[in-house]
Amino acid sequence: MTVRPKMVLLVGETTTGFLRLVNWLYNQGYRCHLATSYRDACNLISRTQFDLVLSQFQLPDRTAFPLLARLTGSPTTLFFSTHVESGCLWLPMLERGTRCIGAPVLRSGDLTEALSKVLDGDIRSGESDTPGLGAPGDSSSARIPDEKVALK
């Protein structure tokens, strides 16, 4: 019996900034695909079952919000990100196809731990600073204090 590799889709205009993140996920056993726009993401989603989608909220051709409806009910976990002064904020939108109502916004430094919990420990947290989880295009692995920002 062949085991299907875990699939990740990274969506955003500056996907080259995801290079370190792709390498890190690959080392965790994940196969990554990149899409630069909503249209490209939809094209890939129609052909591939993704376990995890990490998307910038604002994409070149529209917002990523319609991905939520498209992936609801699937086994996919979805996070949206937005740039802030010192990195990114990540919002859990779906956990294995179920909407994450009232989930806290995560700072860049909290993403690895959140992914580890959501994906049943497939991603090992605490190994080292997680590269590329800041703003796309930022090749540093800047850590942000471990505080969560609740949505109002």
C-alpha atoms as a PDB file:
ATOM      1  CA  MET A   1       0.000   0.000   0.000  1.00  0.00           C
ATOM      2  CA  THR A   2       1.404   3.376  -1.027  1.00  0.00           C
ATOM      3  CA  VAL A   3       1.220   6.208   1.477  1.00  0.00           C
ATOM      4  CA  ARG A   4       0.290   9.547  -0.049  1.00  0.00           C
ATOM      5  CA  PRO A   5       2.766  12.295   0.883  1.00  0.00           C
ATOM      6  CA  LYS A   6       1.405  15.209   2.921  1.00  0.00           C
ATOM      7  CA  MET A   7       0.698  18.099   0.551  1.00  0.00           C
ATOM      8  CA  VAL A   8       1.048  21.821   1.303  1.00  0.00           C
ATOM      9  CA  LEU A   9       0.007  24.760  -0.867  1.00  0.00           C
ATOM     10  CA  LEU A  10       1.647  28.134  -0.258  1.00  0.00           C
ATOM     11  CA  VAL A  11      -0.254  30.993  -1.886  1.00  0.00           C
ATOM     12  CA  GLY A  12       1.062  34.501  -2.300  1.00  0.00           C
ATOM     13  CA  GLU A  13       2.546  37.086  -4.574  1.00  0.00           C
ATOM     14  CA  THR A  14       6.079  36.715  -3.249  1.00  0.00           C
ATOM     15  CA  THR A  15       6.352  32.948  -3.160  1.00  0.00           C
ATOM     16  CA  THR A  16      10.119  33.179  -3.574  1.00  0.00           C
ATOM     17  CA  GLY A  17      10.148  34.419   0.026  1.00  0.00           C
ATOM     18  CA  PHE A  18       8.683  31.041   0.989  1.00  0.00           C
ATOM     19  CA  LEU A  19      11.833  29.186  -0.104  1.00  0.00           C
ATOM     20  CA  ARG A  20      13.119  28.617   3.430  1.00  0.00           C
ATOM     21  CA  LEU A  21       9.628  27.610   4.573  1.00  0.00           C
ATOM     22  CA  VAL A  22       9.393  25.128   1.694  1.00  0.00           C
ATOM     23  CA  ASN A  23      12.739  23.630   2.686  1.00  0.00           C
ATOM     24  CA  TRP A  24      11.666  23.382   6.317  1.00  0.00           C
ATOM     25  CA  LEU A  25       8.344  21.714   5.427  1.00  0.00           C
ATOM     26  CA  TYR A  26      10.154  19.347   3.039  1.00  0.00           C
ATOM     27  CA  ASN A  27      12.436  18.297   5.912  1.00  0.00           C
ATOM     28  CA  GLN A  28       9.266  17.494   7.889  1.00  0.00           C
ATOM     29  CA  GLY A  29       8.096  15.172   5.090  1.00  0.00           C
ATOM     30  CA  TYR A  30       5.713  17.550   3.305  1.00  0.00           C
ATOM     31  CA  ARG A  31       5.567  18.169  -0.443  1.00  0.00           C
ATOM     32  CA  CYS A  32       4.990  21.849  -1.235  1.00  0.00           C
ATOM     33  CA  HIS A  33       3.362  23.567  -4.180  1.00  0.00           C
ATOM     34  CA  LEU A  34       3.408  27.306  -4.818  1.00  0.00           C
ATOM     35  CA  ALA A  35       0.720  29.537  -6.316  1.00  0.00           C
ATOM     36  CA  THR A  36       1.105  33.276  -6.842  1.00  0.00           C
ATOM     37  CA  SER A  37      -2.574  34.166  -7.257  1.00  0.00           C
ATOM     38  CA  TYR A  38      -6.074  33.073  -6.305  1.00  0.00           C
ATOM     39  CA  ARG A  39      -6.608  31.741  -9.823  1.00  0.00           C
ATOM     40  CA  ASP A  40      -3.414  29.666  -9.671  1.00  0.00           C
ATOM     41  CA  ALA A  41      -4.404  28.339  -6.234  1.00  0.00           C
ATOM     42  CA  CYS A  42      -7.848  27.267  -7.474  1.00  0.00           C
ATOM     43  CA  ASN A  43      -6.261  25.539 -10.448  1.00  0.00           C
ATOM     44  CA  LEU A  44      -3.954  23.525  -8.165  1.00  0.00           C
ATOM     45  CA  ILE A  45      -6.722  22.783  -5.627  1.00  0.00           C
ATOM     46  CA  SER A  46      -8.914  21.374  -8.405  1.00  0.00           C
ATOM     47  CA  ARG A  47      -6.189  18.849  -9.291  1.00  0.00           C
ATOM     48  CA  THR A  48      -4.590  18.055  -5.913  1.00  0.00           C
ATOM     49  CA  GLN A  49      -5.834  17.235  -2.410  1.00  0.00           C
ATOM     50  CA  PHE A  50      -3.883  19.474  -0.019  1.00  0.00           C
ATOM     51  CA  ASP A  51      -3.533  18.766   3.682  1.00  0.00           C
ATOM     52  CA  LEU A  52      -2.503  22.342   4.430  1.00  0.00           C
ATOM     53  CA  VAL A  53      -2.951  25.672   2.634  1.00  0.00           C
ATOM     54  CA  LEU A  54      -1.039  28.726   3.871  1.00  0.00           C
ATOM     55  CA  SER A  55      -2.174  31.830   1.987  1.00  0.00           C
ATOM     56  CA  GLN A  56      -1.599  35.535   2.119  1.00  0.00           C
ATOM     57  CA  PHE A  57      -5.021  37.139   2.511  1.00  0.00           C
ATOM     58  CA  GLN A  58      -4.477  39.821  -0.118  1.00  0.00           C
ATOM     59  CA  LEU A  59      -3.487  38.244  -3.423  1.00  0.00           C
ATOM     60  CA  PRO A  60      -2.644  40.028  -6.699  1.00  0.00           C
ATOM     61  CA  ASP A  61      -5.960  39.136  -8.353  1.00  0.00           C
ATOM     62  CA  ARG A  62      -8.327  39.270  -5.314  1.00  0.00           C
ATOM     63  CA  THR A  63      -8.520  38.326  -1.646  1.00  0.00           C
ATOM     64  CA  ALA A  64      -8.079  34.700  -0.653  1.00  0.00           C
ATOM     65  CA  PHE A  65     -11.394  34.641   1.243  1.00  0.00           C
ATOM     66  CA  PRO A  66     -13.213  32.480  -1.361  1.00  0.00           C
ATOM     67  CA  LEU A  67     -10.712  29.694  -0.603  1.00  0.00           C
ATOM     68  CA  LEU A  68     -12.568  29.274   2.678  1.00  0.00           C
ATOM     69  CA  ALA A  69     -15.814  28.258   0.960  1.00  0.00           C
ATOM     70  CA  ARG A  70     -13.957  26.174  -1.608  1.00  0.00           C
ATOM     71  CA  LEU A  71     -12.132  24.112   1.055  1.00  0.00           C
ATOM     72  CA  THR A  72     -14.895  23.842   3.687  1.00  0.00           C
ATOM     73  CA  GLY A  73     -15.811  20.184   4.128  1.00  0.00           C
ATOM     74  CA  SER A  74     -12.515  18.934   2.703  1.00  0.00           C
ATOM     75  CA  PRO A  75      -9.729  17.455   4.857  1.00  0.00           C
ATOM     76  CA  THR A  76      -7.685  20.641   4.327  1.00  0.00           C
ATOM     77  CA  THR A  77      -6.413  22.965   7.048  1.00  0.00           C
ATOM     78  CA  LEU A  78      -6.302  26.621   5.943  1.00  0.00           C
ATOM     79  CA  PHE A  79      -4.454  29.618   7.402  1.00  0.00           C
ATOM     80  CA  PHE A  80      -4.534  33.194   6.079  1.00  0.00           C
ATOM     81  CA  SER A  81      -1.718  35.637   6.723  1.00  0.00           C
ATOM     82  CA  THR A  82      -1.368  39.375   6.588  1.00  0.00           C
ATOM     83  CA  HIS A  83       1.739  41.521   6.817  1.00  0.00           C
ATOM     84  CA  VAL A  84       2.416  43.557   9.912  1.00  0.00           C
ATOM     85  CA  GLU A  85       5.375  45.716  10.767  1.00  0.00           C
ATOM     86  CA  SER A  86       7.474  42.899  12.232  1.00  0.00           C
ATOM     87  CA  GLY A  87       6.361  39.851  10.255  1.00  0.00           C
ATOM     88  CA  CYS A  88       2.963  38.283   9.717  1.00  0.00           C
ATOM     89  CA  LEU A  89      -0.193  37.507  11.602  1.00  0.00           C
ATOM     90  CA  TRP A  90      -1.776  34.134  10.831  1.00  0.00           C
ATOM     91  CA  LEU A  91      -5.471  33.394  11.186  1.00  0.00           C
ATOM     92  CA  PRO A  92      -6.636  29.770  11.342  1.00  0.00           C
ATOM     93  CA  MET A  93      -9.629  29.566   8.990  1.00  0.00           C
ATOM     94  CA  LEU A  94     -10.221  25.809   8.645  1.00  0.00           C
ATOM     95  CA  GLU A  95      -9.076  22.803  10.610  1.00  0.00           C
ATOM     96  CA  ARG A  96      -9.522  19.714   8.461  1.00  0.00           C
ATOM     97  CA  GLY A  97     -12.366  21.363   6.579  1.00  0.00           C
ATOM     98  CA  THR A  98     -14.189  22.724   9.634  1.00  0.00           C
ATOM     99  CA  ARG A  99     -14.362  26.478  10.196  1.00  0.00           C
ATOM    100  CA  CYS A 100     -12.303  27.824  13.084  1.00  0.00           C
ATOM    101  CA  ILE A 101     -14.860  30.172  14.625  1.00  0.00           C
ATOM    102  CA  GLY A 102     -13.284  32.541  17.154  1.00  0.00           C
ATOM    103  CA  ALA A 103      -9.758  31.180  16.718  1.00  0.00           C
ATOM    104  CA  PRO A 104      -7.046  33.555  17.927  1.00  0.00           C
ATOM    105  CA  VAL A 105      -4.730  35.302  15.522  1.00  0.00           C
ATOM    106  CA  LEU A 106      -1.230  33.841  15.713  1.00  0.00           C
ATOM    107  CA  ARG A 107       2.035  35.704  15.508  1.00  0.00           C
ATOM    108  CA  SER A 108       4.725  34.288  13.201  1.00  0.00           C
ATOM    109  CA  GLY A 109       6.521  32.596  16.086  1.00  0.00           C
ATOM    110  CA  ASP A 110       3.358  30.686  17.072  1.00  0.00           C
ATOM    111  CA  LEU A 111       2.643  29.156  13.676  1.00  0.00           C
ATOM    112  CA  THR A 112       4.852  26.076  14.023  1.00  0.00           C
ATOM    113  CA  GLU A 113       3.258  25.062  17.317  1.00  0.00           C
ATOM    114  CA  ALA A 114      -0.230  25.598  15.879  1.00  0.00           C
ATOM    115  CA  LEU A 115       0.589  23.522  12.804  1.00  0.00           C
ATOM    116  CA  SER A 116       2.009  20.783  14.981  1.00  0.00           C
ATOM    117  CA  LYS A 117      -1.205  20.572  17.010  1.00  0.00           C
ATOM    118  CA  VAL A 118      -3.510  20.734  13.998  1.00  0.00           C
ATOM    119  CA  LEU A 119      -1.587  18.188  11.967  1.00  0.00           C
ATOM    120  CA  ASP A 120      -1.228  15.684  14.846  1.00  0.00           C
ATOM    121  CA  GLY A 121       2.417  16.356  15.505  1.00  0.00           C
ATOM    122  CA  ASP A 122       3.486  15.578  11.944  1.00  0.00           C
ATOM    123  CA  ILE A 123       5.474  18.802  12.140  1.00  0.00           C
ATOM    124  CA  ARG A 124       7.857  18.720  15.069  1.00  0.00           C
ATOM    125  CA  SER A 125       7.828  21.989  16.981  1.00  0.00           C
ATOM    126  CA  GLY A 126      10.754  23.367  18.902  1.00  0.00           C
ATOM    127  CA  GLU A 127      13.471  21.935  16.656  1.00  0.00           C
ATOM    128  CA  SER A 128      14.824  25.363  15.817  1.00  0.00           C
ATOM    129  CA  ASP A 129      13.528  28.702  14.711  1.00  0.00           C
ATOM    130  CA  THR A 130      11.184  28.102  11.846  1.00  0.00           C
ATOM    131  CA  PRO A 131      12.543  29.805   8.732  1.00  0.00           C
ATOM    132  CA  GLY A 132      10.416  31.840   6.426  1.00  0.00           C
ATOM    133  CA  LEU A 133       7.401  32.265   8.675  1.00  0.00           C
ATOM    134  CA  GLY A 134       7.755  36.020   8.798  1.00  0.00           C
ATOM    135  CA  ALA A 135       6.727  38.242   5.952  1.00  0.00           C
ATOM    136  CA  PRO A 136       7.167  36.580   2.571  1.00  0.00           C
ATOM    137  CA  GLY A 137      10.346  37.923   1.051  1.00  0.00           C
ATOM    138  CA  ASP A 138      11.918  38.144   4.494  1.00  0.00           C
ATOM    139  CA  SER A 139      14.601  35.495   4.576  1.00  0.00           C
ATOM    140  CA  SER A 140      15.224  35.938   8.285  1.00  0.00           C
ATOM    141  CA  SER A 141      13.597  33.739  10.858  1.00  0.00           C
ATOM    142  CA  ALA A 142      12.647  36.547  13.188  1.00  0.00           C
ATOM    143  CA  ARG A 143      10.785  35.443  16.282  1.00  0.00           C
ATOM    144  CA  ILE A 144       7.920  37.460  17.675  1.00  0.00           C
ATOM    145  CA  PRO A 145       7.002  37.226  21.369  1.00  0.00           C
ATOM    146  CA  ASP A 146       4.653  34.346  22.097  1.00  0.00           C
ATOM    147  CA  GLU A 147       1.520  36.370  22.627  1.00  0.00           C
ATOM    148  CA  LYS A 148      -1.758  35.816  20.866  1.00  0.00           C
ATOM    149  CA  VAL A 149      -3.957  38.615  19.578  1.00  0.00           C
ATOM    150  CA  ALA A 150      -7.649  37.868  19.942  1.00  0.00           C
ATOM    151  CA  LEU A 151     -10.024  39.003  17.221  1.00  0.00           C
ATOM    152  CA  LYS A 152     -12.798  41.305  18.311  1.00  0.00           C
END
